[in-house]
Amino acid sequence: MLSPYINVEITNIFLEQFAHELASGVHAVMVWDQAGFHTGKALRIPENVSIIALPPYSPELNPMENLWHYLRSHHWSNRAFADYAALVSAAETAWKHSACNPDTIKSVCKALYTLAQ
């Protein structure tokens, strides 16, 4: 889902669409940060979705942050887009090229965690 902005209303639309795409009987768990649009009082979490919130100010724990950095640095940096449609096209192309490639995702989103003894 692409949007020129993000807020709780857009997040609710995303969650509704995401939940609708899940197969019957499947329950998804999302791990995300505590951005305002992830925690607003108007946020509606579907019954087949659970949210695990990361601690505040901990982007290093969110592998998705690595993917956004990769997409920006490899596909969107140092470019000017003619208009919003061109930006959307570049986003779709980058997503298909990178995010739909399992090897890229494994490499970029890999996170090494250690547990304190």
C-alpha atoms as a PDB file:
ATOM      1  CA  MET A   1       0.000   0.000   0.000  1.00  0.00           C
ATOM      2  CA  LEU A   2       1.398   3.374  -0.994  1.00  0.00           C
ATOM      3  CA  SER A   3       0.239   6.654   0.470  1.00  0.00           C
ATOM      4  CA  PRO A   4       1.579  10.212   0.242  1.00  0.00           C
ATOM      5  CA  TYR A   5       1.283  10.422   4.035  1.00  0.00           C
ATOM      6  CA  ILE A   6       0.745   8.126   7.005  1.00  0.00           C
ATOM      7  CA  ASN A   7      -1.434   8.503  10.049  1.00  0.00           C
ATOM      8  CA  VAL A   8      -3.724   6.307  12.166  1.00  0.00           C
ATOM      9  CA  GLU A   9      -6.468   6.331   9.515  1.00  0.00           C
ATOM     10  CA  ILE A  10      -4.063   5.105   6.817  1.00  0.00           C
ATOM     11  CA  THR A  11      -2.663   2.509   9.226  1.00  0.00           C
ATOM     12  CA  ASN A  12      -6.207   1.261   9.878  1.00  0.00           C
ATOM     13  CA  ILE A  13      -6.794   0.890   6.133  1.00  0.00           C
ATOM     14  CA  PHE A  14      -3.532  -1.037   5.824  1.00  0.00           C
ATOM     15  CA  LEU A  15      -4.414  -3.331   8.745  1.00  0.00           C
ATOM     16  CA  GLU A  16      -7.883  -3.989   7.325  1.00  0.00           C
ATOM     17  CA  GLN A  17      -6.455  -4.880   3.909  1.00  0.00           C
ATOM     18  CA  PHE A  18      -3.702  -6.994   5.454  1.00  0.00           C
ATOM     19  CA  ALA A  19      -6.131  -8.908   7.680  1.00  0.00           C
ATOM     20  CA  HIS A  20      -8.450  -9.495   4.726  1.00  0.00           C
ATOM     21  CA  GLU A  21      -5.596 -11.100   2.732  1.00  0.00           C
ATOM     22  CA  LEU A  22      -4.840 -13.679   5.439  1.00  0.00           C
ATOM     23  CA  ALA A  23      -6.163 -17.159   4.830  1.00  0.00           C
ATOM     24  CA  SER A  24      -9.062 -18.281   6.966  1.00  0.00           C
ATOM     25  CA  GLY A  25      -7.842 -19.466  10.372  1.00  0.00           C
ATOM     26  CA  VAL A  26      -4.473 -17.697  10.069  1.00  0.00           C
ATOM     27  CA  HIS A  27      -3.397 -15.278  12.797  1.00  0.00           C
ATOM     28  CA  ALA A  28      -0.546 -12.864  12.003  1.00  0.00           C
ATOM     29  CA  VAL A  29       1.820 -11.187  14.431  1.00  0.00           C
ATOM     30  CA  MET A  30       3.359  -7.844  13.472  1.00  0.00           C
ATOM     31  CA  VAL A  31       6.399  -6.395  15.172  1.00  0.00           C
ATOM     32  CA  TRP A  32       6.609  -2.651  14.828  1.00  0.00           C
ATOM     33  CA  ASP A  33       7.897   0.481  16.431  1.00  0.00           C
ATOM     34  CA  GLN A  34       5.922   2.909  18.537  1.00  0.00           C
ATOM     35  CA  ALA A  35       5.406   5.620  15.927  1.00  0.00           C
ATOM     36  CA  GLY A  36       2.327   7.721  16.637  1.00  0.00           C
ATOM     37  CA  PHE A  37       0.376   6.105  13.813  1.00  0.00           C
ATOM     38  CA  HIS A  38       1.115   2.685  15.353  1.00  0.00           C
ATOM     39  CA  THR A  39      -0.152   3.612  18.790  1.00  0.00           C
ATOM     40  CA  GLY A  40      -2.997   6.110  18.313  1.00  0.00           C
ATOM     41  CA  LYS A  41      -6.186   5.669  20.320  1.00  0.00           C
ATOM     42  CA  ALA A  42      -8.182   5.347  17.074  1.00  0.00           C
ATOM     43  CA  LEU A  43      -6.062   2.386  15.923  1.00  0.00           C
ATOM     44  CA  ARG A  44      -8.196  -0.661  15.117  1.00  0.00           C
ATOM     45  CA  ILE A  45      -6.349  -3.991  15.291  1.00  0.00           C
ATOM     46  CA  PRO A  46      -8.219  -6.782  13.445  1.00  0.00           C
ATOM     47  CA  GLU A  47      -9.033  -9.933  15.420  1.00  0.00           C
ATOM     48  CA  ASN A  48      -6.683 -12.051  13.284  1.00  0.00           C
ATOM     49  CA  VAL A  49      -3.695  -9.751  13.888  1.00  0.00           C
ATOM     50  CA  SER A  50      -1.591  -9.202  17.024  1.00  0.00           C
ATOM     51  CA  ILE A  51       0.916  -6.402  17.511  1.00  0.00           C
ATOM     52  CA  ILE A  52       4.197  -6.634  19.393  1.00  0.00           C
ATOM     53  CA  ALA A  53       5.577  -3.162  20.021  1.00  0.00           C
ATOM     54  CA  LEU A  54       9.319  -2.646  20.107  1.00  0.00           C
ATOM     55  CA  PRO A  55      10.787  -0.526  22.888  1.00  0.00           C
ATOM     56  CA  PRO A  56      10.803   3.226  22.157  1.00  0.00           C
ATOM     57  CA  TYR A  57      13.768   4.594  20.214  1.00  0.00           C
ATOM     58  CA  SER A  58      15.127   1.204  19.170  1.00  0.00           C
ATOM     59  CA  PRO A  59      15.347   1.165  15.345  1.00  0.00           C
ATOM     60  CA  GLU A  60      18.238  -1.300  15.600  1.00  0.00           C
ATOM     61  CA  LEU A  61      15.716  -3.947  16.740  1.00  0.00           C
ATOM     62  CA  ASN A  62      13.497  -3.463  13.700  1.00  0.00           C
ATOM     63  CA  PRO A  63      14.796  -5.305  10.613  1.00  0.00           C
ATOM     64  CA  MET A  64      12.343  -3.340   8.453  1.00  0.00           C
ATOM     65  CA  GLU A  65      14.387  -0.216   9.133  1.00  0.00           C
ATOM     66  CA  ASN A  66      17.278  -1.935   7.337  1.00  0.00           C
ATOM     67  CA  LEU A  67      15.047  -2.547   4.316  1.00  0.00           C
ATOM     68  CA  TRP A  68      13.944   1.112   4.159  1.00  0.00           C
ATOM     69  CA  HIS A  69      17.587   2.189   4.375  1.00  0.00           C
ATOM     70  CA  TYR A  70      18.524  -0.260   1.604  1.00  0.00           C
ATOM     71  CA  LEU A  71      15.702   0.937  -0.654  1.00  0.00           C
ATOM     72  CA  ARG A  72      16.593   4.588  -0.097  1.00  0.00           C
ATOM     73  CA  SER A  73      20.305   4.100  -0.685  1.00  0.00           C
ATOM     74  CA  HIS A  74      20.051   1.711  -3.648  1.00  0.00           C
ATOM     75  CA  HIS A  75      16.977   2.968  -5.462  1.00  0.00           C
ATOM     76  CA  TRP A  76      15.819   6.428  -4.391  1.00  0.00           C
ATOM     77  CA  SER A  77      18.823   8.507  -3.333  1.00  0.00           C
ATOM     78  CA  ASN A  78      20.211  11.335  -5.467  1.00  0.00           C
ATOM     79  CA  ARG A  79      17.160  11.357  -7.720  1.00  0.00           C
ATOM     80  CA  ALA A  80      14.530  13.929  -8.503  1.00  0.00           C
ATOM     81  CA  PHE A  81      11.078  12.676  -9.403  1.00  0.00           C
ATOM     82  CA  ALA A  82       8.978  14.544 -11.938  1.00  0.00           C
ATOM     83  CA  ASP A  83       5.808  14.087  -9.923  1.00  0.00           C
ATOM     84  CA  TYR A  84       4.057  11.844  -7.420  1.00  0.00           C
ATOM     85  CA  ALA A  85       3.280   9.246 -10.109  1.00  0.00           C
ATOM     86  CA  ALA A  86       7.005   8.927 -10.892  1.00  0.00           C
ATOM     87  CA  LEU A  87       7.760   8.484  -7.201  1.00  0.00           C
ATOM     88  CA  VAL A  88       5.099   5.765  -6.921  1.00  0.00           C
ATOM     89  CA  SER A  89       6.529   4.019  -9.986  1.00  0.00           C
ATOM     90  CA  ALA A  90      10.051   4.129  -8.510  1.00  0.00           C
ATOM     91  CA  ALA A  91       8.738   2.764  -5.205  1.00  0.00           C
ATOM     92  CA  GLU A  92       6.945  -0.113  -6.929  1.00  0.00           C
ATOM     93  CA  THR A  93       9.974  -0.960  -9.055  1.00  0.00           C
ATOM     94  CA  ALA A  94      12.322  -0.912  -6.055  1.00  0.00           C
ATOM     95  CA  TRP A  95       9.915  -3.027  -4.009  1.00  0.00           C
ATOM     96  CA  LYS A  96       9.541  -5.638  -6.762  1.00  0.00           C
ATOM     97  CA  HIS A  97      13.289  -5.718  -7.386  1.00  0.00           C
ATOM     98  CA  SER A  98      14.349  -5.898  -3.749  1.00  0.00           C
ATOM     99  CA  ALA A  99      11.589  -6.849  -1.368  1.00  0.00           C
ATOM    100  CA  CYS A 100      10.261  -9.669  -3.531  1.00  0.00           C
ATOM    101  CA  ASN A 101      13.717 -11.254  -3.675  1.00  0.00           C
ATOM    102  CA  PRO A 102      14.103 -13.668  -0.725  1.00  0.00           C
ATOM    103  CA  ASP A 103      17.908 -13.526  -0.845  1.00  0.00           C
ATOM    104  CA  THR A 104      17.900  -9.727  -0.660  1.00  0.00           C
ATOM    105  CA  ILE A 105      15.475  -9.779   2.258  1.00  0.00           C
ATOM    106  CA  LYS A 106      17.541 -12.383   4.112  1.00  0.00           C
ATOM    107  CA  SER A 107      20.684 -10.333   3.604  1.00  0.00           C
ATOM    108  CA  VAL A 108      19.302  -6.856   4.287  1.00  0.00           C
ATOM    109  CA  CYS A 109      16.921  -7.663   7.133  1.00  0.00           C
ATOM    110  CA  LYS A 110      19.185 -10.091   8.940  1.00  0.00           C
ATOM    111  CA  ALA A 111      19.527  -9.093  12.554  1.00  0.00           C
ATOM    112  CA  LEU A 112      21.869 -10.612  15.041  1.00  0.00           C
ATOM    113  CA  TYR A 113      20.539 -10.678  18.546  1.00  0.00           C
ATOM    114  CA  THR A 114      22.390 -11.756  21.625  1.00  0.00           C
ATOM    115  CA  LEU A 115      20.825 -12.507  24.955  1.00  0.00           C
ATOM    116  CA  ALA A 116      22.504 -11.317  28.105  1.00  0.00           C
ATOM    117  CA  GLN A 117      23.668 -14.219  30.213  1.00  0.00           C
END
